[in-house]
N, C-alpha and C. Protein backbone atom coordinates (compact mmCIF):
# COMPACT_ATOMS: atom_id res chain seq x y z
N MET A 1 -38.84 -3.53 -15.35
CA MET A 1 -37.59 -4.05 -14.88
C MET A 1 -37.62 -4.08 -13.35
N GLY A 2 -37.23 -5.17 -12.77
CA GLY A 2 -37.26 -5.33 -11.32
C GLY A 2 -36.09 -4.64 -10.63
N SER A 3 -36.21 -4.53 -9.34
CA SER A 3 -35.12 -3.94 -8.56
C SER A 3 -34.28 -5.06 -7.95
N TYR A 4 -33.05 -4.74 -7.67
CA TYR A 4 -32.12 -5.72 -7.13
C TYR A 4 -31.53 -5.19 -5.83
N SER A 5 -31.25 -6.07 -4.94
CA SER A 5 -30.52 -5.73 -3.72
C SER A 5 -29.07 -6.13 -3.92
N VAL A 6 -28.20 -5.26 -3.51
CA VAL A 6 -26.77 -5.55 -3.60
C VAL A 6 -26.19 -5.47 -2.20
N TRP A 7 -25.47 -6.50 -1.82
CA TRP A 7 -24.79 -6.53 -0.53
C TRP A 7 -23.30 -6.36 -0.79
N LEU A 8 -22.73 -5.41 -0.15
CA LEU A 8 -21.30 -5.14 -0.32
C LEU A 8 -20.61 -5.34 1.02
N PHE A 9 -19.69 -6.28 1.06
CA PHE A 9 -18.95 -6.56 2.28
C PHE A 9 -17.55 -5.96 2.14
N ASP A 10 -17.24 -5.06 3.02
CA ASP A 10 -15.94 -4.39 3.03
C ASP A 10 -15.06 -5.09 4.06
N ILE A 11 -14.51 -6.23 3.67
CA ILE A 11 -13.78 -7.10 4.59
C ILE A 11 -12.56 -6.40 5.20
N ASP A 12 -11.81 -5.69 4.38
CA ASP A 12 -10.58 -5.06 4.89
C ASP A 12 -10.75 -3.58 5.23
N GLY A 13 -11.93 -3.04 5.08
CA GLY A 13 -12.19 -1.66 5.46
C GLY A 13 -11.71 -0.60 4.48
N VAL A 14 -11.24 -1.02 3.31
CA VAL A 14 -10.69 -0.08 2.34
C VAL A 14 -11.75 0.87 1.79
N LEU A 15 -12.95 0.38 1.61
CA LEU A 15 -14.00 1.24 1.07
C LEU A 15 -14.45 2.29 2.10
N VAL A 16 -14.46 1.91 3.34
CA VAL A 16 -14.88 2.82 4.38
C VAL A 16 -13.74 3.72 4.83
N ARG A 17 -12.56 3.13 4.98
CA ARG A 17 -11.39 3.86 5.46
C ARG A 17 -10.18 3.44 4.63
N PRO A 18 -9.76 4.22 3.64
CA PRO A 18 -8.71 3.79 2.72
C PRO A 18 -7.33 3.66 3.33
N GLN A 19 -7.16 3.99 4.59
CA GLN A 19 -5.84 3.85 5.20
C GLN A 19 -5.44 2.40 5.41
N GLY A 20 -6.40 1.48 5.27
CA GLY A 20 -6.10 0.07 5.47
C GLY A 20 -5.05 -0.45 4.51
N TYR A 21 -5.16 -0.09 3.24
CA TYR A 21 -4.17 -0.59 2.29
C TYR A 21 -2.84 0.11 2.49
N ARG A 22 -2.86 1.34 2.98
CA ARG A 22 -1.60 2.04 3.26
C ARG A 22 -0.84 1.33 4.37
N ALA A 23 -1.55 0.85 5.36
CA ALA A 23 -0.91 0.09 6.43
C ALA A 23 -0.35 -1.22 5.89
N SER A 24 -1.04 -1.84 4.94
CA SER A 24 -0.54 -3.09 4.37
C SER A 24 0.72 -2.85 3.54
N VAL A 25 0.81 -1.70 2.87
CA VAL A 25 2.04 -1.36 2.13
C VAL A 25 3.21 -1.27 3.11
N ARG A 26 3.01 -0.54 4.20
CA ARG A 26 4.10 -0.37 5.17
C ARG A 26 4.45 -1.70 5.84
N ALA A 27 3.45 -2.51 6.18
CA ALA A 27 3.71 -3.79 6.83
C ALA A 27 4.48 -4.74 5.91
N THR A 28 4.10 -4.77 4.64
CA THR A 28 4.79 -5.63 3.68
C THR A 28 6.23 -5.18 3.47
N LEU A 29 6.41 -3.87 3.29
CA LEU A 29 7.77 -3.36 3.12
C LEU A 29 8.59 -3.58 4.38
N ASN A 30 7.99 -3.41 5.54
CA ASN A 30 8.70 -3.64 6.80
C ASN A 30 9.19 -5.08 6.90
N HIS A 31 8.39 -6.01 6.42
CA HIS A 31 8.81 -7.42 6.42
C HIS A 31 10.10 -7.59 5.62
N PHE A 32 10.13 -7.03 4.42
CA PHE A 32 11.32 -7.16 3.58
C PHE A 32 12.49 -6.38 4.16
N PHE A 33 12.24 -5.23 4.75
CA PHE A 33 13.31 -4.44 5.35
C PHE A 33 13.96 -5.21 6.49
N ARG A 34 13.16 -5.89 7.30
CA ARG A 34 13.72 -6.70 8.39
C ARG A 34 14.59 -7.82 7.83
N GLN A 35 14.14 -8.44 6.74
CA GLN A 35 14.91 -9.51 6.12
C GLN A 35 16.26 -8.99 5.62
N MET A 36 16.29 -7.75 5.14
CA MET A 36 17.52 -7.14 4.62
C MET A 36 18.28 -6.37 5.69
N ARG A 37 17.76 -6.43 6.93
CA ARG A 37 18.35 -5.71 8.06
C ARG A 37 18.45 -4.20 7.80
N LEU A 38 17.39 -3.66 7.23
CA LEU A 38 17.31 -2.22 6.98
C LEU A 38 16.41 -1.56 8.00
N SER A 39 16.63 -0.30 8.24
CA SER A 39 15.85 0.46 9.21
C SER A 39 14.44 0.71 8.69
N ASP A 40 13.49 0.71 9.62
CA ASP A 40 12.12 1.03 9.22
C ASP A 40 11.94 2.53 8.97
N ARG A 41 13.00 3.30 9.18
CA ARG A 41 12.95 4.73 8.84
C ARG A 41 12.80 4.93 7.34
N LEU A 42 13.13 3.90 6.56
CA LEU A 42 13.02 3.98 5.11
C LEU A 42 11.60 3.72 4.60
N LEU A 43 10.71 3.32 5.50
CA LEU A 43 9.34 3.05 5.08
C LEU A 43 8.71 4.32 4.52
N PRO A 44 7.92 4.18 3.46
CA PRO A 44 7.28 5.36 2.88
C PRO A 44 6.27 5.98 3.86
N ASP A 45 6.26 7.30 3.90
CA ASP A 45 5.27 7.98 4.73
C ASP A 45 4.03 8.29 3.90
N GLU A 46 3.10 8.98 4.50
CA GLU A 46 1.84 9.30 3.81
C GLU A 46 2.07 10.13 2.54
N ASN A 47 3.09 10.98 2.55
CA ASN A 47 3.36 11.81 1.37
C ASN A 47 3.81 10.97 0.18
N VAL A 48 4.60 9.95 0.43
CA VAL A 48 5.06 9.08 -0.66
C VAL A 48 3.88 8.31 -1.25
N ILE A 49 3.05 7.78 -0.39
CA ILE A 49 1.88 7.03 -0.88
C ILE A 49 0.92 7.96 -1.61
N ALA A 50 0.74 9.17 -1.09
CA ALA A 50 -0.11 10.14 -1.78
C ALA A 50 0.49 10.50 -3.14
N GLY A 51 1.82 10.53 -3.22
CA GLY A 51 2.49 10.79 -4.50
C GLY A 51 2.20 9.70 -5.52
N PHE A 52 2.23 8.45 -5.06
CA PHE A 52 1.87 7.34 -5.95
C PHE A 52 0.43 7.52 -6.46
N GLU A 53 -0.47 7.83 -5.54
CA GLU A 53 -1.87 7.99 -5.93
C GLU A 53 -2.03 9.15 -6.91
N ALA A 54 -1.23 10.20 -6.75
CA ALA A 54 -1.33 11.37 -7.64
C ALA A 54 -0.97 11.00 -9.07
N ILE A 55 -0.10 10.01 -9.24
CA ILE A 55 0.26 9.59 -10.60
C ILE A 55 -0.46 8.29 -10.99
N ARG A 56 -1.58 8.04 -10.30
CA ARG A 56 -2.51 6.96 -10.60
C ARG A 56 -1.96 5.55 -10.34
N ILE A 57 -1.04 5.47 -9.39
CA ILE A 57 -0.60 4.16 -8.90
C ILE A 57 -1.32 3.98 -7.57
N THR A 58 -2.39 3.20 -7.59
CA THR A 58 -3.25 3.09 -6.42
C THR A 58 -3.30 1.69 -5.82
N SER A 59 -2.55 0.80 -6.37
CA SER A 59 -2.58 -0.59 -5.88
C SER A 59 -1.31 -0.89 -5.08
N GLU A 60 -1.51 -1.51 -3.92
CA GLU A 60 -0.35 -1.91 -3.14
C GLU A 60 0.49 -2.95 -3.88
N TRP A 61 -0.15 -3.67 -4.81
CA TRP A 61 0.59 -4.65 -5.62
C TRP A 61 1.60 -3.95 -6.53
N ASP A 62 1.39 -2.69 -6.80
CA ASP A 62 2.34 -1.91 -7.60
C ASP A 62 3.27 -1.08 -6.71
N MET A 63 2.74 -0.52 -5.64
CA MET A 63 3.54 0.34 -4.77
C MET A 63 4.69 -0.40 -4.10
N VAL A 64 4.42 -1.59 -3.60
CA VAL A 64 5.45 -2.34 -2.87
C VAL A 64 6.65 -2.68 -3.76
N PRO A 65 6.45 -3.26 -4.95
CA PRO A 65 7.63 -3.55 -5.78
C PRO A 65 8.39 -2.30 -6.21
N ILE A 66 7.67 -1.20 -6.46
CA ILE A 66 8.36 0.04 -6.85
C ILE A 66 9.22 0.53 -5.70
N CYS A 67 8.68 0.53 -4.49
CA CYS A 67 9.45 0.96 -3.32
C CYS A 67 10.64 0.04 -3.08
N LEU A 68 10.42 -1.27 -3.18
CA LEU A 68 11.53 -2.21 -2.99
C LEU A 68 12.61 -2.03 -4.04
N ALA A 69 12.21 -1.78 -5.27
CA ALA A 69 13.20 -1.56 -6.33
C ALA A 69 14.03 -0.32 -6.04
N GLY A 70 13.38 0.74 -5.57
CA GLY A 70 14.11 1.95 -5.22
C GLY A 70 15.09 1.74 -4.08
N VAL A 71 14.66 1.00 -3.07
CA VAL A 71 15.54 0.73 -1.92
C VAL A 71 16.70 -0.16 -2.36
N LEU A 72 16.40 -1.21 -3.13
CA LEU A 72 17.47 -2.09 -3.59
C LEU A 72 18.45 -1.37 -4.51
N ASP A 73 17.97 -0.48 -5.35
CA ASP A 73 18.84 0.28 -6.22
C ASP A 73 19.78 1.16 -5.40
N THR A 74 19.25 1.79 -4.35
CA THR A 74 20.07 2.64 -3.49
C THR A 74 21.00 1.82 -2.61
N TRP A 75 20.52 0.70 -2.14
CA TRP A 75 21.28 -0.17 -1.24
C TRP A 75 22.48 -0.70 -1.94
């Protein structure tokens, strides 16, 4: 069996430094907060994102709608 070369391009830096997607969560939520004229003090901090990861929610595609639903429910 032959050997293969694999090239892995980490375009957004998530594989090297996972904080990249955390910044995208905050930036996306900040966009919606500005539209709703809400304070950026409501943005999730590192503990909230770590809490999501602890319960196996690791995708920003899931974190953002959950956070927005919580803010809208409270609002």
